[in-house]
PDB file of all heavy atoms in Angstrom:
ATOM      1  N   GLU A   1      97.679 114.446  88.150  1.00  0.00           N
ATOM      2  CA  GLU A   1      98.386 113.776  89.233  1.00  0.00           C
ATOM      3  C   GLU A   1      98.723 112.312  88.940  1.00  0.00           C
ATOM      4  O   GLU A   1      99.692 111.779  89.483  1.00  0.00           O
ATOM      5  CB  GLU A   1      97.582 113.909  90.524  1.00  0.00           C
ATOM      6  CG  GLU A   1      97.551 115.365  91.014  1.00  0.00           C
ATOM      7  CD  GLU A   1      96.713 115.568  92.255  1.00  0.00           C
ATOM      8  OE1 GLU A   1      96.056 114.605  92.716  1.00  0.00           O
ATOM      9  OE2 GLU A   1      96.705 116.713  92.770  1.00  0.00           O
ATOM     10  N   LYS A   2      97.953 111.651  88.086  1.00  0.00           N
ATOM     11  CA  LYS A   2      98.277 110.276  87.705  1.00  0.00           C
ATOM     12  C   LYS A   2      99.613 110.245  86.976  1.00  0.00           C
ATOM     13  O   LYS A   2     100.451 109.371  87.218  1.00  0.00           O
ATOM     14  CB  LYS A   2      97.175 109.706  86.807  1.00  0.00           C
ATOM     15  CG  LYS A   2      97.483 108.297  86.261  1.00  0.00           C
ATOM     16  CD  LYS A   2      96.979 107.230  87.164  1.00  0.00           C
ATOM     17  CE  LYS A   2      97.399 105.829  86.678  1.00  0.00           C
ATOM     18  NZ  LYS A   2      96.549 105.308  85.600  1.00  0.00           N
ATOM     19  N   PHE A   3      99.828 111.203  86.078  1.00  0.00           N
ATOM     20  CA  PHE A   3     101.103 111.267  85.357  1.00  0.00           C
ATOM     21  C   PHE A   3     102.229 111.621  86.316  1.00  0.00           C
ATOM     22  O   PHE A   3     103.321 111.061  86.241  1.00  0.00           O
ATOM     23  CB  PHE A   3     101.030 112.288  84.215  1.00  0.00           C
ATOM     24  CG  PHE A   3     102.110 112.113  83.193  1.00  0.00           C
ATOM     25  CD1 PHE A   3     101.818 111.657  81.916  1.00  0.00           C
ATOM     26  CD2 PHE A   3     103.446 112.389  83.491  1.00  0.00           C
ATOM     27  CE1 PHE A   3     102.816 111.484  80.967  1.00  0.00           C
ATOM     28  CE2 PHE A   3     104.448 112.211  82.551  1.00  0.00           C
ATOM     29  CZ  PHE A   3     104.132 111.758  81.290  1.00  0.00           C
ATOM     30  N   ALA A   4     101.973 112.560  87.217  1.00  0.00           N
ATOM     31  CA  ALA A   4     103.008 112.961  88.176  1.00  0.00           C
ATOM     32  C   ALA A   4     103.483 111.778  89.013  1.00  0.00           C
ATOM     33  O   ALA A   4     104.664 111.701  89.382  1.00  0.00           O
ATOM     34  CB  ALA A   4     102.472 114.072  89.079  1.00  0.00           C
ATOM     35  N   GLN A   5     102.598 110.845  89.295  1.00  0.00           N
ATOM     36  CA  GLN A   5     102.961 109.671  90.073  1.00  0.00           C
ATOM     37  C   GLN A   5     103.906 108.740  89.317  1.00  0.00           C
ATOM     38  O   GLN A   5     104.579 107.901  89.926  1.00  0.00           O
ATOM     39  CB  GLN A   5     101.700 108.904  90.483  1.00  0.00           C
ATOM     40  CG  GLN A   5     100.837 109.637  91.492  1.00  0.00           C
ATOM     41  CD  GLN A   5      99.485 108.999  91.696  1.00  0.00           C
ATOM     42  OE1 GLN A   5      99.187 107.930  91.135  1.00  0.00           O
ATOM     43  NE2 GLN A   5      98.632 109.635  92.492  1.00  0.00           N
ATOM     44  N   LYS A   6     103.974 108.891  88.008  1.00  0.00           N
ATOM     45  CA  LYS A   6     104.846 108.054  87.192  1.00  0.00           C
ATOM     46  C   LYS A   6     106.290 108.583  87.143  1.00  0.00           C
ATOM     47  O   LYS A   6     107.189 107.894  86.693  1.00  0.00           O
ATOM     48  CB  LYS A   6     104.310 107.972  85.756  1.00  0.00           C
ATOM     49  CG  LYS A   6     102.949 107.304  85.627  1.00  0.00           C
ATOM     50  CD  LYS A   6     102.458 107.371  84.187  1.00  0.00           C
ATOM     51  CE  LYS A   6     101.086 106.748  84.021  1.00  0.00           C
ATOM     52  NZ  LYS A   6     101.100 105.283  84.211  1.00  0.00           N
ATOM     53  N   LEU A   7     106.496 109.819  87.602  1.00  0.00           N
ATOM     54  CA  LEU A   7     107.819 110.420  87.539  1.00  0.00           C
ATOM     55  C   LEU A   7     108.753 109.829  88.590  1.00  0.00           C
ATOM     56  O   LEU A   7     108.327 109.430  89.674  1.00  0.00           O
ATOM     57  CB  LEU A   7     107.724 111.933  87.749  1.00  0.00           C
ATOM     58  CG  LEU A   7     106.905 112.736  86.736  1.00  0.00           C
ATOM     59  CD1 LEU A   7     106.889 114.204  87.132  1.00  0.00           C
ATOM     60  CD2 LEU A   7     107.441 112.557  85.329  1.00  0.00           C
ATOM     61  N   GLU A   8     110.029 109.816  88.264  1.00  0.00           N
ATOM     62  CA  GLU A   8     111.061 109.392  89.213  1.00  0.00           C
ATOM     63  C   GLU A   8     111.695 110.639  89.836  1.00  0.00           C
ATOM     64  O   GLU A   8     111.810 111.674  89.197  1.00  0.00           O
ATOM     65  CB  GLU A   8     112.136 108.567  88.480  1.00  0.00           C
ATOM     66  CG  GLU A   8     111.576 107.409  87.660  1.00  0.00           C
ATOM     67  CD  GLU A   8     112.476 107.044  86.490  1.00  0.00           C
ATOM     68  OE1 GLU A   8     113.597 107.605  86.375  1.00  0.00           O
ATOM     69  OE2 GLU A   8     112.052 106.205  85.672  1.00  0.00           O
ATOM     70  N   LYS A   9     112.103 110.512  91.096  1.00  0.00           N
ATOM     71  CA  LYS A   9     112.838 111.574  91.805  1.00  0.00           C
ATOM     72  C   LYS A   9     112.087 112.907  91.744  1.00  0.00           C
ATOM     73  O   LYS A   9     112.609 113.928  91.294  1.00  0.00           O
ATOM     74  CB  LYS A   9     114.246 111.733  91.227  1.00  0.00           C
ATOM     75  CG  LYS A   9     115.083 110.467  91.274  1.00  0.00           C
ATOM     76  CD  LYS A   9     116.436 110.666  90.623  1.00  0.00           C
ATOM     77  CE  LYS A   9     117.259 109.373  90.649  1.00  0.00           C
ATOM     78  NZ  LYS A   9     118.567 109.544  89.981  1.00  0.00           N
ATOM     79  N   VAL A  10     110.858 112.906  92.217  1.00  0.00           N
ATOM     80  CA  VAL A  10     109.979 114.058  92.064  1.00  0.00           C
ATOM     81  C   VAL A  10     110.270 115.142  93.102  1.00  0.00           C
ATOM     82  O   VAL A  10     110.476 114.861  94.278  1.00  0.00           O
ATOM     83  CB  VAL A  10     108.505 113.634  92.184  1.00  0.00           C
ATOM     84  CG1 VAL A  10     107.580 114.841  92.047  1.00  0.00           C
ATOM     85  CG2 VAL A  10     108.170 112.596  91.123  1.00  0.00           C
ATOM     86  N   LYS A  11     110.301 116.376  92.631  1.00  0.00           N
ATOM     87  CA  LYS A  11     110.332 117.557  93.482  1.00  0.00           C
ATOM     88  C   LYS A  11     109.111 118.401  93.147  1.00  0.00           C
ATOM     89  O   LYS A  11     108.822 118.627  91.971  1.00  0.00           O
ATOM     90  CB  LYS A  11     111.614 118.376  93.245  1.00  0.00           C
ATOM     91  CG  LYS A  11     112.899 117.663  93.633  1.00  0.00           C
ATOM     92  CD  LYS A  11     114.097 118.564  93.347  1.00  0.00           C
ATOM     93  CE  LYS A  11     115.405 117.870  93.702  1.00  0.00           C
ATOM     94  NZ  LYS A  11     116.585 118.744  93.398  1.00  0.00           N
ATOM     95  N   VAL A  12     108.403 118.851  94.167  1.00  0.00           N
ATOM     96  CA  VAL A  12     107.197 119.652  93.951  1.00  0.00           C
ATOM     97  C   VAL A  12     107.525 121.123  94.167  1.00  0.00           C
ATOM     98  O   VAL A  12     108.082 121.503  95.199  1.00  0.00           O
ATOM     99  CB  VAL A  12     106.063 119.227  94.903  1.00  0.00           C
ATOM    100  CG1 VAL A  12     104.816 120.076  94.658  1.00  0.00           C
ATOM    101  CG2 VAL A  12     105.739 117.743  94.724  1.00  0.00           C
ATOM    102  N   GLU A  13     107.194 121.943  93.165  1.00  0.00           N
ATOM    103  CA  GLU A  13     107.409 123.383  93.256  1.00  0.00           C
ATOM    104  C   GLU A  13     106.088 124.098  92.976  1.00  0.00           C
ATOM    105  O   GLU A  13     105.304 123.660  92.133  1.00  0.00           O
ATOM    106  CB  GLU A  13     108.480 123.837  92.266  1.00  0.00           C
ATOM    107  CG  GLU A  13     109.842 123.217  92.527  1.00  0.00           C
ATOM    108  CD  GLU A  13     110.915 123.661  91.530  1.00  0.00           C
ATOM    109  OE1 GLU A  13     110.577 124.424  90.597  1.00  0.00           O
ATOM    110  OE2 GLU A  13     112.069 123.243  91.693  1.00  0.00           O
ATOM    111  N   LYS A  14     105.859 125.188  93.689  1.00  0.00           N
ATOM    112  CA  LYS A  14     104.622 125.944  93.518  1.00  0.00           C
ATOM    113  C   LYS A  14     104.929 127.400  93.200  1.00  0.00           C
ATOM    114  O   LYS A  14     105.893 127.966  93.702  1.00  0.00           O
ATOM    115  CB  LYS A  14     103.766 125.860  94.785  1.00  0.00           C
ATOM    116  CG  LYS A  14     103.288 124.452  95.110  1.00  0.00           C
ATOM    117  CD  LYS A  14     102.437 124.427  96.359  1.00  0.00           C
ATOM    118  CE  LYS A  14     101.962 123.015  96.674  1.00  0.00           C
ATOM    119  NZ  LYS A  14     101.109 122.977  97.888  1.00  0.00           N
ATOM    120  N   SER A  15     104.077 127.977  92.373  1.00  0.00           N
ATOM    121  CA  SER A  15     104.176 129.400  92.068  1.00  0.00           C
ATOM    122  C   SER A  15     102.753 129.906  91.864  1.00  0.00           C
ATOM    123  O   SER A  15     102.064 129.469  90.946  1.00  0.00           O
ATOM    124  CB  SER A  15     105.023 129.641  90.814  1.00  0.00           C
ATOM    125  OG  SER A  15     105.173 131.015  90.555  1.00  0.00           O
ATOM    126  N   GLY A  16     102.310 130.788  92.751  1.00  0.00           N
ATOM    127  CA  GLY A  16     100.907 131.182  92.712  1.00  0.00           C
ATOM    128  C   GLY A  16     100.039 129.966  92.980  1.00  0.00           C
ATOM    129  O   GLY A  16     100.282 129.189  93.899  1.00  0.00           O
ATOM    130  N   THR A  17      99.035 129.770  92.144  1.00  0.00           N
ATOM    131  CA  THR A  17      98.172 128.586  92.280  1.00  0.00           C
ATOM    132  C   THR A  17      98.671 127.405  91.459  1.00  0.00           C
ATOM    133  O   THR A  17      98.063 126.334  91.479  1.00  0.00           O
ATOM    134  CB  THR A  17      96.738 128.915  91.834  1.00  0.00           C
ATOM    135  OG1 THR A  17      96.757 129.338  90.456  1.00  0.00           O
ATOM    136  CG2 THR A  17      96.126 130.018  92.692  1.00  0.00           C
ATOM    137  N   PHE A  18      99.766 127.585  90.735  1.00  0.00           N
ATOM    138  CA  PHE A  18     100.271 126.554  89.844  1.00  0.00           C
ATOM    139  C   PHE A  18     101.215 125.601  90.589  1.00  0.00           C
ATOM    140  O   PHE A  18     102.024 126.032  91.406  1.00  0.00           O
ATOM    141  CB  PHE A  18     100.990 127.168  88.645  1.00  0.00           C
ATOM    142  CG  PHE A  18     100.206 128.282  88.002  1.00  0.00           C
ATOM    143  CD1 PHE A  18     100.754 129.545  87.851  1.00  0.00           C
ATOM    144  CD2 PHE A  18      98.908 128.078  87.554  1.00  0.00           C
ATOM    145  CE1 PHE A  18     100.029 130.577  87.281  1.00  0.00           C
ATOM    146  CE2 PHE A  18      98.172 129.096  86.988  1.00  0.00           C
ATOM    147  CZ  PHE A  18      98.735 130.359  86.846  1.00  0.00           C
ATOM    148  N   VAL A  19     101.105 124.309  90.259  1.00  0.00           N
ATOM    149  CA  VAL A  19     101.940 123.294  90.889  1.00  0.00           C
ATOM    150  C   VAL A  19     102.749 122.598  89.798  1.00  0.00           C
ATOM    151  O   VAL A  19     102.195 122.169  88.776  1.00  0.00           O
ATOM    152  CB  VAL A  19     101.098 122.262  91.660  1.00  0.00           C
ATOM    153  CG1 VAL A  19     102.007 121.248  92.363  1.00  0.00           C
ATOM    154  CG2 VAL A  19     100.194 122.955  92.667  1.00  0.00           C
ATOM    155  N   PHE A  20     104.058 122.477  90.023  1.00  0.00           N
ATOM    156  CA  PHE A  20     104.949 121.829  89.068  1.00  0.00           C
ATOM    157  C   PHE A  20     105.621 120.631  89.739  1.00  0.00           C
ATOM    158  O   PHE A  20     106.258 120.773  90.778  1.00  0.00           O
ATOM    159  CB  PHE A  20     106.018 122.804  88.563  1.00  0.00           C
ATOM    160  CG  PHE A  20     105.452 124.015  87.871  1.00  0.00           C
ATOM    161  CD1 PHE A  20     105.263 125.206  88.563  1.00  0.00           C
ATOM    162  CD2 PHE A  20     105.088 123.959  86.536  1.00  0.00           C
ATOM    163  CE1 PHE A  20     104.724 126.322  87.950  1.00  0.00           C
ATOM    164  CE2 PHE A  20     104.547 125.077  85.902  1.00  0.00           C
ATOM    165  CZ  PHE A  20     104.367 126.255  86.603  1.00  0.00           C
ATOM    166  N   TYR A  21     105.448 119.467  89.146  1.00  0.00           N
ATOM    167  CA  TYR A  21     106.088 118.249  89.628  1.00  0.00           C
ATOM    168  C   TYR A  21     107.299 117.979  88.739  1.00  0.00           C
ATOM    169  O   TYR A  21     107.155 117.584  87.575  1.00  0.00           O
ATOM    170  CB  TYR A  21     105.123 117.064  89.563  1.00  0.00           C
ATOM    171  CG  TYR A  21     103.840 117.262  90.349  1.00  0.00           C
ATOM    172  CD1 TYR A  21     102.725 117.869  89.750  1.00  0.00           C
ATOM    173  CD2 TYR A  21     103.736 116.842  91.665  1.00  0.00           C
ATOM    174  CE1 TYR A  21     101.547 118.045  90.462  1.00  0.00           C
ATOM    175  CE2 TYR A  21     102.550 117.012  92.384  1.00  0.00           C
ATOM    176  CZ  TYR A  21     101.463 117.618  91.771  1.00  0.00           C
ATOM    177  OH  TYR A  21     100.294 117.795  92.475  1.00  0.00           O
ATOM    178  N   ARG A  22     108.485 118.202  89.281  1.00  0.00           N
ATOM    179  CA  ARG A  22     109.718 118.009  88.511  1.00  0.00           C
ATOM    180  C   ARG A  22     110.289 116.625  88.785  1.00  0.00           C
ATOM    181  O   ARG A  22     110.515 116.253  89.930  1.00  0.00           O
ATOM    182  CB  ARG A  22     110.758 119.068  88.887  1.00  0.00           C
ATOM    183  CG  ARG A  22     110.341 120.485  88.561  1.00  0.00           C
ATOM    184  CD  ARG A  22     111.435 121.465  88.943  1.00  0.00           C
ATOM    185  NE  ARG A  22     112.660 121.236  88.201  1.00  0.00           N
ATOM    186  CZ  ARG A  22     113.832 121.786  88.475  1.00  0.00           C
ATOM    187  NH1 ARG A  22     113.932 122.604  89.514  1.00  0.00           N
ATOM    188  NH2 ARG A  22     114.886 121.538  87.736  1.00  0.00           N
ATOM    189  N   GLY A  23     110.504 115.864  87.737  1.00  0.00           N
ATOM    190  CA  GLY A  23     111.047 114.523  87.895  1.00  0.00           C
ATOM    191  C   GLY A  23     111.668 114.033  86.605  1.00  0.00           C
ATOM    192  O   GLY A  23     112.075 114.835  85.758  1.00  0.00           O
ATOM    193  N   LYS A  24     111.718 112.716  86.457  1.00  0.00           N
ATOM    194  CA  LYS A  24     112.342 112.136  85.267  1.00  0.00           C
ATOM    195  C   LYS A  24     111.529 110.948  84.759  1.00  0.00           C
ATOM    196  O   LYS A  24     110.869 110.250  85.534  1.00  0.00           O
ATOM    197  CB  LYS A  24     113.772 111.703  85.571  1.00  0.00           C
ATOM    198  CG  LYS A  24     114.718 112.869  85.832  1.00  0.00           C
ATOM    199  CD  LYS A  24     116.165 112.426  85.924  1.00  0.00           C
ATOM    200  CE  LYS A  24     117.094 113.625  86.091  1.00  0.00           C
ATOM    201  NZ  LYS A  24     118.516 113.231  86.125  1.00  0.00           N
ATOM    202  N   VAL A  25     111.606 110.746  83.451  1.00  0.00           N
ATOM    203  CA  VAL A  25     111.089 109.554  82.797  1.00  0.00           C
ATOM    204  C   VAL A  25     112.238 108.972  81.998  1.00  0.00           C
ATOM    205  O   VAL A  25     112.835 109.672  81.160  1.00  0.00           O
ATOM    206  CB  VAL A  25     109.896 109.882  81.865  1.00  0.00           C
ATOM    207  CG1 VAL A  25     109.512 108.655  81.048  1.00  0.00           C
ATOM    208  CG2 VAL A  25     108.700 110.378  82.670  1.00  0.00           C
ATOM    209  N   ASN A  26     112.582 107.732  82.281  1.00  0.00           N
ATOM    210  CA  ASN A  26     113.737 107.108  81.619  1.00  0.00           C
ATOM    211  C   ASN A  26     114.986 107.988  81.729  1.00  0.00           C
ATOM    212  O   ASN A  26     115.725 108.176  80.762  1.00  0.00           O
ATOM    213  CB  ASN A  26     113.428 106.786  80.162  1.00  0.00           C
ATOM    214  CG  ASN A  26     112.430 105.651  80.015  1.00  0.00           C
ATOM    215  OD1 ASN A  26     112.077 104.995  80.998  1.00  0.00           O
ATOM    216  ND2 ASN A  26     111.967 105.415  78.805  1.00  0.00           N
ATOM    217  N   ASN A  27     115.156 108.566  82.907  1.00  0.00           N
ATOM    218  CA  ASN A  27     116.318 109.408  83.236  1.00  0.00           C
ATOM    219  C   ASN A  27     116.368 110.709  82.438  1.00  0.00           C
ATOM    220  O   ASN A  27     117.414 111.358  82.353  1.00  0.00           O
ATOM    221  CB  ASN A  27     117.633 108.629  83.055  1.00  0.00           C
ATOM    222  CG  ASN A  27     118.736 109.180  83.935  1.00  0.00           C
ATOM    223  OD1 ASN A  27     118.495 109.614  85.061  1.00  0.00           O
ATOM    224  ND2 ASN A  27     119.950 109.185  83.440  1.00  0.00           N
ATOM    225  N   TYR A  28     115.226 111.109  81.863  1.00  0.00           N
ATOM    226  CA  TYR A  28     115.146 112.374  81.131  1.00  0.00           C
ATOM    227  C   TYR A  28     114.219 113.311  81.906  1.00  0.00           C
ATOM    228  O   TYR A  28     113.168 112.893  82.397  1.00  0.00           O
ATOM    229  CB  TYR A  28     114.600 112.152  79.713  1.00  0.00           C
ATOM    230  CG  TYR A  28     114.709 113.379  78.832  1.00  0.00           C
ATOM    231  CD1 TYR A  28     115.808 113.564  78.004  1.00  0.00           C
ATOM    232  CD2 TYR A  28     113.726 114.362  78.853  1.00  0.00           C
ATOM    233  CE1 TYR A  28     115.923 114.706  77.211  1.00  0.00           C
ATOM    234  CE2 TYR A  28     113.832 115.503  78.073  1.00  0.00           C
ATOM    235  CZ  TYR A  28     114.936 115.671  77.257  1.00  0.00           C
ATOM    236  OH  TYR A  28     115.044 116.803  76.484  1.00  0.00           O
ATOM    237  N   PRO A  29     114.564 114.602  82.032  1.00  0.00           N
ATOM    238  CA  PRO A  29     113.736 115.524  82.831  1.00  0.00           C
ATOM    239  C   PRO A  29     112.358 115.778  82.226  1.00  0.00           C
ATOM    240  O   PRO A  29     112.232 116.110  81.043  1.00  0.00           O
ATOM    241  CB  PRO A  29     114.571 116.812  82.866  1.00  0.00           C
ATOM    242  CG  PRO A  29     115.493 116.715  81.695  1.00  0.00           C
ATOM    243  CD  PRO A  29     115.779 115.255  81.505  1.00  0.00           C
ATOM    244  N   VAL A  30     111.351 115.581  83.046  1.00  0.00           N
ATOM    245  CA  VAL A  30     109.956 115.815  82.660  1.00  0.00           C
ATOM    246  C   VAL A  30     109.282 116.571  83.796  1.00  0.00           C
ATOM    247  O   VAL A  30     109.499 116.273  84.970  1.00  0.00           O
ATOM    248  CB  VAL A  30     109.219 114.486  82.393  1.00  0.00           C
ATOM    249  CG1 VAL A  30     107.726 114.747  82.136  1.00  0.00           C
ATOM    250  CG2 VAL A  30     109.841 113.740  81.222  1.00  0.00           C
ATOM    251  N   ILE A  31     108.477 117.558  83.440  1.00  0.00           N
ATOM    252  CA  ILE A  31     107.747 118.354  84.430  1.00  0.00           C
ATOM    253  C   ILE A  31     106.255 118.243  84.151  1.00  0.00           C
ATOM    254  O   ILE A  31     105.810 118.434  83.015  1.00  0.00           O
ATOM    255  CB  ILE A  31     108.166 119.837  84.376  1.00  0.00           C
ATOM    256  CG1 ILE A  31     109.659 119.984  84.674  1.00  0.00           C
ATOM    257  CG2 ILE A  31     107.346 120.667  85.362  1.00  0.00           C
ATOM    258  CD1 ILE A  31     110.198 121.373  84.419  1.00  0.00           C
ATOM    259  N   VAL A  32     105.501 117.906  85.171  1.00  0.00           N
ATOM    260  CA  VAL A  32     104.042 117.906  85.068  1.00  0.00           C
ATOM    261  C   VAL A  32     103.520 119.172  85.735  1.00  0.00           C
ATOM    262  O   VAL A  32     103.843 119.449  86.896  1.00  0.00           O
ATOM    263  CB  VAL A  32     103.429 116.662  85.735  1.00  0.00           C
ATOM    264  CG1 VAL A  32     101.901 116.760  85.727  1.00  0.00           C
ATOM    265  CG2 VAL A  32     103.880 115.389  85.025  1.00  0.00           C
ATOM    266  N   ALA A  33     102.743 119.940  84.994  1.00  0.00           N
ATOM    267  CA  ALA A  33     102.183 121.188  85.515  1.00  0.00           C
ATOM    268  C   ALA A  33     100.685 121.038  85.714  1.00  0.00           C
ATOM    269  O   ALA A  33      99.961 120.694  84.779  1.00  0.00           O
ATOM    270  CB  ALA A  33     102.470 122.338  84.560  1.00  0.00           C
ATOM    271  N   LYS A  34     100.231 121.274  86.939  1.00  0.00           N
ATOM    272  CA  LYS A  34      98.796 121.354  87.202  1.00  0.00           C
ATOM    273  C   LYS A  34      98.421 122.820  87.051  1.00  0.00           C
ATOM    274  O   LYS A  34      98.681 123.643  87.923  1.00  0.00           O
ATOM    275  CB  LYS A  34      98.487 120.816  88.596  1.00  0.00           C
ATOM    276  CG  LYS A  34      97.004 120.705  88.896  1.00  0.00           C
ATOM    277  CD  LYS A  34      96.727 119.837  90.133  1.00  0.00           C
ATOM    278  CE  LYS A  34      97.416 120.375  91.364  1.00  0.00           C
ATOM    279  NZ  LYS A  34      97.103 119.583  92.573  1.00  0.00           N
ATOM    280  N   THR A  35      97.806 123.155  85.923  1.00  0.00           N
ATOM    281  CA  THR A  35      97.630 124.549  85.531  1.00  0.00           C
ATOM    282  C   THR A  35      96.387 125.208  86.113  1.00  0.00           C
ATOM    283  O   THR A  35      96.313 126.431  86.206  1.00  0.00           O
ATOM    284  CB  THR A  35      97.543 124.671  84.001  1.00  0.00           C
ATOM    285  OG1 THR A  35      96.370 123.983  83.540  1.00  0.00           O
ATOM    286  CG2 THR A  35      98.767 124.091  83.327  1.00  0.00           C
ATOM    287  N   GLY A  36      95.399 124.399  86.477  1.00  0.00           N
ATOM    288  CA  GLY A  36      94.094 124.975  86.770  1.00  0.00           C
ATOM    289  C   GLY A  36      93.288 125.074  85.484  1.00  0.00           C
ATOM    290  O   GLY A  36      93.822 125.009  84.368  1.00  0.00           O
ATOM    291  N   LYS A  37      91.971 125.211  85.630  1.00  0.00           N
ATOM    292  CA  LYS A  37      91.090 125.237  84.461  1.00  0.00           C
ATOM    293  C   LYS A  37      91.067 126.622  83.802  1.00  0.00           C
ATOM    294  O   LYS A  37      91.261 127.633  84.448  1.00  0.00           O
ATOM    295  CB  LYS A  37      89.668 124.856  84.880  1.00  0.00           C
ATOM    296  CG  LYS A  37      89.526 123.429  85.387  1.00  0.00           C
ATOM    297  CD  LYS A  37      88.071 123.074  85.661  1.00  0.00           C
ATOM    298  CE  LYS A  37      87.514 123.811  86.852  1.00  0.00           C
ATOM    299  NZ  LYS A  37      86.131 123.385  87.179  1.00  0.00           N
ATOM    300  N   GLY A  38      90.809 126.625  82.513  1.00  0.00           N
ATOM    301  CA  GLY A  38      90.556 127.880  81.811  1.00  0.00           C
ATOM    302  C   GLY A  38      91.743 128.434  81.053  1.00  0.00           C
ATOM    303  O   GLY A  38      92.898 128.075  81.294  1.00  0.00           O
ATOM    304  N   MET A  39      91.422 129.336  80.145  1.00  0.00           N
ATOM    305  CA  MET A  39      92.414 129.900  79.224  1.00  0.00           C
ATOM    306  C   MET A  39      93.424 130.797  79.942  1.00  0.00           C
ATOM    307  O   MET A  39      94.622 130.750  79.658  1.00  0.00           O
ATOM    308  CB  MET A  39      91.694 130.688  78.129  1.00  0.00           C
ATOM    309  CG  MET A  39      90.697 129.877  77.320  1.00  0.00           C
ATOM    310  SD  MET A  39      91.467 128.786  76.113  1.00  0.00           S
ATOM    311  CE  MET A  39      91.590 129.921  74.717  1.00  0.00           C
ATOM    312  N   GLU A  40      92.941 131.619  80.877  1.00  0.00           N
ATOM    313  CA  GLU A  40      93.838 132.551  81.563  1.00  0.00           C
ATOM    314  C   GLU A  40      94.839 131.803  82.436  1.00  0.00           C
ATOM    315  O   GLU A  40      96.042 132.095  82.414  1.00  0.00           O
ATOM    316  CB  GLU A  40      93.033 133.548  82.408  1.00  0.00           C
ATOM    317  CG  GLU A  40      92.180 134.509  81.583  1.00  0.00           C
ATOM    318  CD  GLU A  40      90.843 133.925  81.174  1.00  0.00           C
ATOM    319  OE1 GLU A  40      90.533 132.777  81.554  1.00  0.00           O
ATOM    320  OE2 GLU A  40      90.104 134.627  80.455  1.00  0.00           O
ATOM    321  N   ASN A  41      94.338 130.849  83.218  1.00  0.00           N
ATOM    322  CA  ASN A  41      95.230 130.043  84.043  1.00  0.00           C
ATOM    323  C   ASN A  41      96.287 129.344  83.199  1.00  0.00           C
ATOM    324  O   ASN A  41      97.473 129.322  83.544  1.00  0.00           O
ATOM    325  CB  ASN A  41      94.428 128.983  84.826  1.00  0.00           C
ATOM    326  CG  ASN A  41      93.835 129.532  86.105  1.00  0.00           C
ATOM    327  OD1 ASN A  41      94.369 130.446  86.718  1.00  0.00           O
ATOM    328  ND2 ASN A  41      92.717 128.973  86.519  1.00  0.00           N
TER     329      ASN A  41
END
């Protein structure tokens, strides 16, 4: 979430338990994914 806070123009999308923060860094698209712990997740 610290990295997600650095993104510009953030949109939050969820799928299952996964959270994706879609935004930009220096006007380039970057997505931060909070995956959950473990190999399967």
